[in-house]
Amino acid sequence: MAVTQRRGRRAMMTPEELDSYLAERRTCRVATVAADGRPHVSPLWFGWHGGSLWLYSLTRSRRWAQLLRDPRVAVVIDDGHDYGELRGVELTGAVEVVGEAPRTGEPCPELDTPERLFAAKYFGLSAMPYDGRHAWLRLTPETISSWDFRKLGLPG
C-alpha cells in the first residue's frame, strides 16, 4: 500500500527528516474511536521501524479495547513552542496486534528489531523487559502528514 503524504510542500518533512524525527521523539498521542463514536486521545510511547509506528500498549486499557473493536487510529507526534518552531507528524490507518497479548517474550521474529530499538530508547537496555501487561500494535500508515514551520523562515 502506498503512503499518501499531505501538507504544504514548503513546510513538509523529507522522508529522511521524518525517519529521524520519529526515531528521536518519545511520546505520541493516539486517537481512537469509542463504541458511541466519541474520540478518545491518550499519550503513549512508540517506536518507528520499517515504515511502521510500533505502539506498546497496556492490554487492559480503554485504548486497547477500543482498538480491538475498531482498529482505526490517528497518531500525532509534535513539538515546538513558538509558531515558527512547530513541527510534527500525523499518521492515520488501522493497527494490528503483533505477537502474543499480553507480551511475555515468546519468540516473534517480527518484533526483534522494534523491541531492541524500544528497549534502548526508553529503558537504556539491549533487550526488552516484559511485564505481562503490554502488547504490540503496529500502525503501517495509510496517510502521513508532516509539517516543519522552521522551514518557512518566519521572523523570530
N, C-alpha and C. Protein backbone atom coordinates (compact mmCIF):
# COMPACT_ATOMS: atom_id res chain seq x y z
N MET A 1 0.84 -1.18 0.00
CA MET A 1 0.00 0.00 0.00
C MET A 1 0.89 1.24 0.00
N ALA A 2 0.62 2.16 -0.87
CA ALA A 2 1.38 3.40 -0.95
C ALA A 2 0.90 4.37 0.12
N VAL A 3 1.85 5.06 0.72
CA VAL A 3 1.52 6.06 1.73
C VAL A 3 1.31 7.39 1.05
N THR A 4 0.24 8.05 1.41
CA THR A 4 -0.04 9.38 0.90
C THR A 4 0.51 10.40 1.88
N GLN A 5 1.37 11.30 1.39
CA GLN A 5 1.86 12.38 2.24
C GLN A 5 1.15 13.65 1.86
N ARG A 6 0.64 14.32 2.89
CA ARG A 6 -0.09 15.56 2.65
C ARG A 6 0.49 16.66 3.51
N ARG A 7 0.43 17.87 3.03
CA ARG A 7 0.77 19.09 3.75
C ARG A 7 1.38 20.02 2.72
N GLY A 8 1.44 21.26 3.04
CA GLY A 8 2.08 22.21 2.13
C GLY A 8 3.53 21.79 1.87
N ARG A 9 3.91 21.67 0.63
CA ARG A 9 5.24 21.16 0.27
C ARG A 9 6.37 21.92 0.94
N ARG A 10 6.26 23.21 1.02
CA ARG A 10 7.35 24.02 1.54
C ARG A 10 7.68 23.68 2.98
N ALA A 11 6.68 23.32 3.76
CA ALA A 11 6.90 23.07 5.18
C ALA A 11 6.85 21.58 5.53
N MET A 12 6.86 20.71 4.52
CA MET A 12 6.78 19.28 4.76
C MET A 12 8.17 18.72 5.07
N MET A 13 8.21 17.64 5.86
CA MET A 13 9.47 16.95 6.14
C MET A 13 9.80 16.03 4.98
N THR A 14 11.09 15.90 4.69
CA THR A 14 11.53 14.92 3.71
C THR A 14 11.42 13.52 4.35
N PRO A 15 11.46 12.45 3.57
CA PRO A 15 11.44 11.11 4.18
C PRO A 15 12.57 10.90 5.18
N GLU A 16 13.74 11.42 4.91
CA GLU A 16 14.87 11.28 5.84
C GLU A 16 14.61 12.05 7.14
N GLU A 17 14.08 13.28 7.00
CA GLU A 17 13.75 14.08 8.19
C GLU A 17 12.66 13.39 9.01
N LEU A 18 11.68 12.83 8.33
CA LEU A 18 10.59 12.11 9.00
C LEU A 18 11.14 10.94 9.80
N ASP A 19 11.99 10.12 9.19
CA ASP A 19 12.58 8.97 9.89
C ASP A 19 13.38 9.42 11.11
N SER A 20 14.18 10.45 10.95
CA SER A 20 15.00 10.95 12.06
C SER A 20 14.11 11.51 13.18
N TYR A 21 13.12 12.28 12.80
CA TYR A 21 12.22 12.89 13.79
C TYR A 21 11.49 11.82 14.61
N LEU A 22 10.93 10.81 13.92
CA LEU A 22 10.19 9.77 14.63
C LEU A 22 11.09 8.88 15.47
N ALA A 23 12.34 8.73 15.08
CA ALA A 23 13.28 7.95 15.88
C ALA A 23 13.65 8.69 17.17
N GLU A 24 13.66 10.02 17.13
CA GLU A 24 14.09 10.83 18.28
C GLU A 24 12.97 11.12 19.28
N ARG A 25 11.77 11.35 18.81
CA ARG A 25 10.67 11.73 19.71
C ARG A 25 10.30 10.58 20.62
N ARG A 26 9.72 10.89 21.79
CA ARG A 26 9.43 9.86 22.78
C ARG A 26 7.95 9.59 23.01
N THR A 27 7.10 10.60 22.85
CA THR A 27 5.69 10.42 23.20
C THR A 27 4.80 10.83 22.04
N CYS A 28 3.81 10.00 21.79
CA CYS A 28 2.81 10.32 20.77
C CYS A 28 1.45 10.43 21.45
N ARG A 29 0.48 10.96 20.72
CA ARG A 29 -0.90 10.99 21.18
C ARG A 29 -1.72 10.15 20.22
N VAL A 30 -2.40 9.16 20.77
CA VAL A 30 -3.15 8.19 19.98
C VAL A 30 -4.64 8.49 20.11
N ALA A 31 -5.29 8.70 18.97
CA ALA A 31 -6.74 8.96 18.95
C ALA A 31 -7.45 7.70 18.47
N THR A 32 -8.39 7.22 19.29
CA THR A 32 -9.20 6.04 18.98
C THR A 32 -10.66 6.46 18.96
N VAL A 33 -11.52 5.52 18.56
CA VAL A 33 -12.96 5.79 18.48
C VAL A 33 -13.69 4.88 19.46
N ALA A 34 -14.46 5.47 20.37
CA ALA A 34 -15.24 4.70 21.34
C ALA A 34 -16.46 4.09 20.64
N ALA A 35 -17.10 3.14 21.29
CA ALA A 35 -18.28 2.47 20.73
C ALA A 35 -19.38 3.46 20.39
N ASP A 36 -19.49 4.56 21.16
CA ASP A 36 -20.53 5.55 20.90
C ASP A 36 -20.09 6.59 19.86
N GLY A 37 -18.91 6.40 19.27
CA GLY A 37 -18.42 7.31 18.24
C GLY A 37 -17.58 8.46 18.75
N ARG A 38 -17.47 8.59 20.05
CA ARG A 38 -16.68 9.69 20.61
C ARG A 38 -15.19 9.38 20.51
N PRO A 39 -14.40 10.43 20.27
CA PRO A 39 -12.95 10.21 20.20
C PRO A 39 -12.36 10.07 21.60
N HIS A 40 -11.26 9.34 21.67
CA HIS A 40 -10.50 9.19 22.91
C HIS A 40 -9.04 9.36 22.54
N VAL A 41 -8.33 10.26 23.22
CA VAL A 41 -6.92 10.53 22.93
C VAL A 41 -6.11 10.22 24.18
N SER A 42 -5.00 9.49 23.99
CA SER A 42 -4.14 9.15 25.12
C SER A 42 -2.67 9.16 24.69
N PRO A 43 -1.78 9.54 25.62
CA PRO A 43 -0.35 9.55 25.30
C PRO A 43 0.21 8.13 25.38
N LEU A 44 1.26 7.90 24.59
CA LEU A 44 1.86 6.56 24.57
C LEU A 44 3.28 6.66 24.03
N TRP A 45 4.16 5.79 24.54
CA TRP A 45 5.49 5.66 23.97
C TRP A 45 5.39 4.84 22.69
N PHE A 46 6.33 5.03 21.79
CA PHE A 46 6.27 4.37 20.49
C PHE A 46 7.67 4.14 19.93
N GLY A 47 7.72 3.32 18.92
CA GLY A 47 8.93 3.12 18.14
C GLY A 47 8.60 3.31 16.67
N TRP A 48 9.60 3.61 15.87
CA TRP A 48 9.43 3.76 14.43
C TRP A 48 10.44 2.85 13.76
N HIS A 49 9.94 1.92 12.97
CA HIS A 49 10.84 0.98 12.28
C HIS A 49 10.14 0.42 11.05
N GLY A 50 10.88 0.36 9.95
CA GLY A 50 10.38 -0.27 8.75
C GLY A 50 9.14 0.39 8.17
N GLY A 51 9.00 1.70 8.35
CA GLY A 51 7.83 2.39 7.82
C GLY A 51 6.57 2.21 8.64
N SER A 52 6.72 1.65 9.84
CA SER A 52 5.57 1.43 10.73
C SER A 52 5.82 2.07 12.09
N LEU A 53 4.74 2.51 12.71
CA LEU A 53 4.77 3.01 14.07
C LEU A 53 4.41 1.84 14.98
N TRP A 54 5.25 1.55 15.97
CA TRP A 54 5.06 0.44 16.89
C TRP A 54 4.63 0.99 18.24
N LEU A 55 3.42 0.64 18.66
CA LEU A 55 2.83 1.14 19.90
C LEU A 55 2.82 0.01 20.92
N TYR A 56 3.34 0.29 22.11
CA TYR A 56 3.41 -0.71 23.18
C TYR A 56 2.36 -0.31 24.22
N SER A 57 1.20 -0.95 24.15
CA SER A 57 0.03 -0.52 24.92
C SER A 57 -0.34 -1.51 26.02
N LEU A 58 -0.86 -0.98 27.11
CA LEU A 58 -1.46 -1.84 28.13
C LEU A 58 -2.65 -2.57 27.50
N THR A 59 -2.75 -3.86 27.76
CA THR A 59 -3.85 -4.63 27.18
C THR A 59 -5.14 -4.49 27.98
N ARG A 60 -5.04 -3.96 29.18
CA ARG A 60 -6.24 -3.72 29.98
C ARG A 60 -6.45 -2.22 30.09
N SER A 61 -6.60 -1.60 28.91
CA SER A 61 -6.82 -0.15 28.86
C SER A 61 -7.99 0.13 27.93
N ARG A 62 -8.53 1.31 28.09
CA ARG A 62 -9.62 1.75 27.22
C ARG A 62 -9.16 1.80 25.77
N ARG A 63 -7.93 2.29 25.57
CA ARG A 63 -7.36 2.38 24.23
C ARG A 63 -7.32 1.00 23.57
N TRP A 64 -6.82 -0.02 24.28
CA TRP A 64 -6.70 -1.37 23.73
C TRP A 64 -8.08 -1.92 23.36
N ALA A 65 -9.04 -1.79 24.26
CA ALA A 65 -10.39 -2.30 23.99
C ALA A 65 -11.00 -1.62 22.77
N GLN A 66 -10.80 -0.31 22.66
CA GLN A 66 -11.35 0.41 21.52
C GLN A 66 -10.69 -0.01 20.22
N LEU A 67 -9.37 -0.25 20.25
CA LEU A 67 -8.67 -0.63 19.03
C LEU A 67 -8.98 -2.07 18.61
N LEU A 68 -9.30 -2.93 19.56
CA LEU A 68 -9.72 -4.28 19.17
C LEU A 68 -11.08 -4.26 18.50
N ARG A 69 -11.95 -3.34 18.93
CA ARG A 69 -13.28 -3.21 18.35
C ARG A 69 -13.23 -2.48 17.02
N ASP A 70 -12.41 -1.43 16.95
CA ASP A 70 -12.29 -0.61 15.74
C ASP A 70 -10.82 -0.20 15.61
N PRO A 71 -10.06 -0.82 14.71
CA PRO A 71 -8.62 -0.58 14.64
C PRO A 71 -8.19 0.74 14.01
N ARG A 72 -9.15 1.58 13.61
CA ARG A 72 -8.79 2.86 13.02
C ARG A 72 -8.17 3.78 14.07
N VAL A 73 -7.12 4.47 13.68
CA VAL A 73 -6.40 5.31 14.62
C VAL A 73 -5.79 6.51 13.89
N ALA A 74 -5.61 7.58 14.65
CA ALA A 74 -4.81 8.73 14.21
C ALA A 74 -3.80 8.98 15.32
N VAL A 75 -2.56 9.22 14.93
CA VAL A 75 -1.49 9.43 15.91
C VAL A 75 -0.76 10.72 15.55
N VAL A 76 -0.50 11.55 16.56
CA VAL A 76 0.23 12.80 16.37
C VAL A 76 1.47 12.80 17.25
N ILE A 77 2.58 13.19 16.65
CA ILE A 77 3.84 13.43 17.35
C ILE A 77 4.25 14.84 16.94
N ASP A 78 4.43 15.73 17.91
CA ASP A 78 4.78 17.10 17.54
C ASP A 78 5.59 17.76 18.64
N ASP A 79 6.20 18.90 18.29
CA ASP A 79 6.91 19.71 19.27
C ASP A 79 7.06 21.12 18.74
N GLY A 80 7.67 21.96 19.54
CA GLY A 80 7.86 23.37 19.20
C GLY A 80 7.10 24.25 20.17
N HIS A 81 7.60 25.44 20.38
CA HIS A 81 6.98 26.37 21.31
C HIS A 81 6.37 27.54 20.55
N ASP A 82 7.21 28.29 19.86
CA ASP A 82 6.73 29.42 19.06
C ASP A 82 6.23 28.91 17.71
N TYR A 83 5.38 29.69 17.07
CA TYR A 83 4.77 29.27 15.80
C TYR A 83 5.82 28.84 14.78
N GLY A 84 6.88 29.59 14.64
CA GLY A 84 7.91 29.29 13.65
C GLY A 84 8.76 28.08 14.01
N GLU A 85 8.54 27.48 15.18
CA GLU A 85 9.29 26.29 15.61
C GLU A 85 8.46 25.02 15.51
N LEU A 86 7.16 25.15 15.23
CA LEU A 86 6.27 23.99 15.26
C LEU A 86 6.65 22.98 14.17
N ARG A 87 6.67 21.72 14.55
CA ARG A 87 6.89 20.64 13.61
C ARG A 87 6.24 19.38 14.15
N GLY A 88 5.89 18.48 13.26
CA GLY A 88 5.25 17.27 13.72
C GLY A 88 4.79 16.39 12.58
N VAL A 89 4.16 15.29 12.99
CA VAL A 89 3.69 14.27 12.05
C VAL A 89 2.35 13.75 12.54
N GLU A 90 1.41 13.55 11.60
CA GLU A 90 0.17 12.85 11.89
C GLU A 90 0.14 11.62 10.99
N LEU A 91 -0.11 10.45 11.60
CA LEU A 91 -0.21 9.19 10.87
C LEU A 91 -1.60 8.62 11.10
N THR A 92 -2.21 8.13 10.04
CA THR A 92 -3.54 7.53 10.17
C THR A 92 -3.55 6.16 9.49
N GLY A 93 -4.46 5.32 9.95
CA GLY A 93 -4.61 3.99 9.37
C GLY A 93 -5.26 3.06 10.38
N ALA A 94 -5.00 1.78 10.21
CA ALA A 94 -5.54 0.77 11.11
C ALA A 94 -4.38 0.00 11.76
N VAL A 95 -4.52 -0.27 13.05
CA VAL A 95 -3.48 -1.02 13.76
C VAL A 95 -3.77 -2.51 13.69
N GLU A 96 -2.72 -3.29 13.89
CA GLU A 96 -2.86 -4.74 14.02
C GLU A 96 -2.00 -5.19 15.19
N VAL A 97 -2.47 -6.22 15.90
CA VAL A 97 -1.73 -6.79 17.02
C VAL A 97 -0.62 -7.65 16.45
N VAL A 98 0.59 -7.51 17.02
CA VAL A 98 1.73 -8.33 16.60
C VAL A 98 2.27 -9.03 17.84
N GLY A 99 2.43 -10.34 17.77
CA GLY A 99 2.92 -11.11 18.91
C GLY A 99 1.79 -11.46 19.85
N GLU A 100 2.15 -12.10 20.95
CA GLU A 100 1.10 -12.51 21.90
C GLU A 100 0.64 -11.30 22.73
N ALA A 101 -0.57 -11.39 23.23
CA ALA A 101 -1.15 -10.30 24.02
C ALA A 101 -1.78 -10.88 25.28
N PRO A 102 -1.24 -10.51 26.44
CA PRO A 102 -0.10 -9.62 26.65
C PRO A 102 1.22 -10.29 26.30
N ARG A 103 2.22 -9.46 26.08
CA ARG A 103 3.54 -9.92 25.64
C ARG A 103 4.34 -10.44 26.83
N THR A 104 4.82 -11.67 26.69
CA THR A 104 5.65 -12.29 27.74
C THR A 104 7.03 -12.66 27.23
N GLY A 105 7.29 -12.41 25.95
CA GLY A 105 8.61 -12.68 25.40
C GLY A 105 8.70 -13.93 24.54
N GLU A 106 7.55 -14.51 24.18
CA GLU A 106 7.58 -15.66 23.25
C GLU A 106 8.29 -15.22 21.97
N PRO A 107 9.07 -16.10 21.37
CA PRO A 107 9.77 -15.71 20.14
C PRO A 107 8.80 -15.19 19.06
N CYS A 108 9.15 -14.04 18.53
CA CYS A 108 8.38 -13.42 17.45
C CYS A 108 9.38 -12.61 16.62
N PRO A 109 9.96 -13.22 15.58
CA PRO A 109 10.99 -12.54 14.79
C PRO A 109 10.58 -11.16 14.29
N GLU A 110 9.30 -10.96 14.02
CA GLU A 110 8.81 -9.67 13.54
C GLU A 110 9.04 -8.56 14.58
N LEU A 111 9.14 -8.94 15.85
CA LEU A 111 9.32 -7.96 16.92
C LEU A 111 10.78 -7.76 17.34
N ASP A 112 11.69 -8.55 16.80
CA ASP A 112 13.09 -8.47 17.24
C ASP A 112 13.64 -7.04 17.16
N THR A 113 13.56 -6.42 16.01
CA THR A 113 14.12 -5.07 15.86
C THR A 113 13.28 -4.02 16.58
N PRO A 114 11.96 -3.98 16.44
CA PRO A 114 11.20 -2.97 17.19
C PRO A 114 11.43 -3.06 18.70
N GLU A 115 11.50 -4.26 19.24
CA GLU A 115 11.73 -4.39 20.69
C GLU A 115 13.14 -3.96 21.09
N ARG A 116 14.14 -4.27 20.28
CA ARG A 116 15.50 -3.85 20.59
C ARG A 116 15.60 -2.32 20.59
N LEU A 117 15.01 -1.69 19.57
CA LEU A 117 15.03 -0.23 19.48
C LEU A 117 14.27 0.42 20.64
N PHE A 118 13.11 -0.14 20.97
CA PHE A 118 12.28 0.39 22.05
C PHE A 118 12.99 0.26 23.40
N ALA A 119 13.60 -0.90 23.65
CA ALA A 119 14.31 -1.14 24.92
C ALA A 119 15.46 -0.15 25.09
N ALA A 120 16.20 0.11 24.01
CA ALA A 120 17.30 1.07 24.08
C ALA A 120 16.80 2.49 24.29
N LYS A 121 15.75 2.86 23.56
CA LYS A 121 15.22 4.22 23.60
C LYS A 121 14.64 4.59 24.96
N TYR A 122 13.85 3.69 25.55
CA TYR A 122 13.12 4.04 26.77
C TYR A 122 13.72 3.49 28.05
N PHE A 123 14.45 2.40 27.97
CA PHE A 123 14.96 1.77 29.19
C PHE A 123 16.48 1.72 29.26
N GLY A 124 17.16 2.11 28.17
CA GLY A 124 18.61 2.04 28.15
C GLY A 124 19.11 0.60 28.22
N LEU A 125 18.32 -0.33 27.72
CA LEU A 125 18.65 -1.76 27.77
C LEU A 125 18.86 -2.31 26.37
N SER A 126 19.52 -3.46 26.29
CA SER A 126 19.72 -4.09 24.99
C SER A 126 18.62 -5.11 24.68
N ALA A 127 17.82 -5.46 25.69
CA ALA A 127 16.72 -6.42 25.50
C ALA A 127 15.46 -5.87 26.16
N MET A 128 14.35 -6.24 25.61
CA MET A 128 13.05 -5.74 26.09
C MET A 128 12.66 -6.39 27.42
N PRO A 129 12.31 -5.59 28.42
CA PRO A 129 11.76 -6.17 29.66
C PRO A 129 10.25 -6.39 29.48
N TYR A 130 9.76 -7.55 29.85
CA TYR A 130 8.33 -7.87 29.70
C TYR A 130 7.67 -7.86 31.06
N ASP A 131 6.47 -7.29 31.13
CA ASP A 131 5.73 -7.26 32.39
C ASP A 131 4.43 -8.03 32.32
N GLY A 132 4.13 -8.62 31.16
CA GLY A 132 2.90 -9.39 31.03
C GLY A 132 1.63 -8.55 31.04
N ARG A 133 1.79 -7.23 30.84
CA ARG A 133 0.63 -6.33 30.83
C ARG A 133 0.49 -5.56 29.53
N HIS A 134 1.54 -5.55 28.73
CA HIS A 134 1.56 -4.78 27.49
C HIS A 134 1.60 -5.71 26.28
N ALA A 135 1.26 -5.15 25.12
CA ALA A 135 1.39 -5.88 23.86
C ALA A 135 1.62 -4.86 22.74
N TRP A 136 2.04 -5.39 21.59
CA TRP A 136 2.40 -4.54 20.47
C TRP A 136 1.26 -4.36 19.48
N LEU A 137 1.14 -3.12 19.04
CA LEU A 137 0.25 -2.75 17.94
C LEU A 137 1.13 -2.12 16.86
N ARG A 138 0.92 -2.51 15.62
CA ARG A 138 1.67 -1.91 14.52
C ARG A 138 0.72 -1.08 13.67
N LEU A 139 1.12 0.15 13.44
CA LEU A 139 0.40 1.03 12.52
C LEU A 139 1.28 1.23 11.29
N THR A 140 0.88 0.64 10.19
CA THR A 140 1.52 0.93 8.92
C THR A 140 0.62 1.98 8.27
N PRO A 141 1.06 3.24 8.29
CA PRO A 141 0.16 4.34 7.96
C PRO A 141 -0.36 4.32 6.53
N GLU A 142 -1.63 4.69 6.41
CA GLU A 142 -2.24 4.92 5.10
C GLU A 142 -1.94 6.35 4.64
N THR A 143 -1.92 7.28 5.60
CA THR A 143 -1.54 8.66 5.29
C THR A 143 -0.56 9.16 6.34
N ILE A 144 0.33 10.02 5.87
CA ILE A 144 1.27 10.71 6.75
C ILE A 144 1.23 12.17 6.38
N SER A 145 0.95 13.03 7.35
CA SER A 145 1.00 14.47 7.15
C SER A 145 2.11 15.00 8.05
N SER A 146 3.00 15.79 7.48
CA SER A 146 4.08 16.34 8.30
C SER A 146 4.17 17.84 8.10
N TRP A 147 4.75 18.51 9.07
CA TRP A 147 4.97 19.95 8.98
C TRP A 147 6.23 20.29 9.76
N ASP A 148 6.93 21.28 9.27
CA ASP A 148 8.12 21.81 9.92
C ASP A 148 8.17 23.29 9.60
N PHE A 149 7.56 24.09 10.46
CA PHE A 149 7.44 25.51 10.22
C PHE A 149 8.78 26.23 10.30
N ARG A 150 9.82 25.54 10.81
CA ARG A 150 11.16 26.15 10.82
C ARG A 150 11.62 26.42 9.39
N LYS A 151 11.10 25.64 8.43
CA LYS A 151 11.47 25.81 7.02
C LYS A 151 10.86 27.05 6.38
N LEU A 152 9.88 27.64 7.02
CA LEU A 152 9.20 28.81 6.46
C LEU A 152 10.02 30.09 6.59
N GLY A 153 11.03 30.06 7.47
CA GLY A 153 11.88 31.23 7.63
C GLY A 153 11.16 32.44 8.19
N LEU A 154 10.23 32.18 9.10
CA LEU A 154 9.47 33.29 9.70
C LEU A 154 10.37 34.06 10.65
N PRO A 155 10.14 35.38 10.76
CA PRO A 155 10.95 36.17 11.70
C PRO A 155 10.68 35.74 13.14
N GLY A 156 11.72 35.66 13.93
CA GLY A 156 11.59 35.20 15.31
C GLY A 156 11.41 36.29 16.22
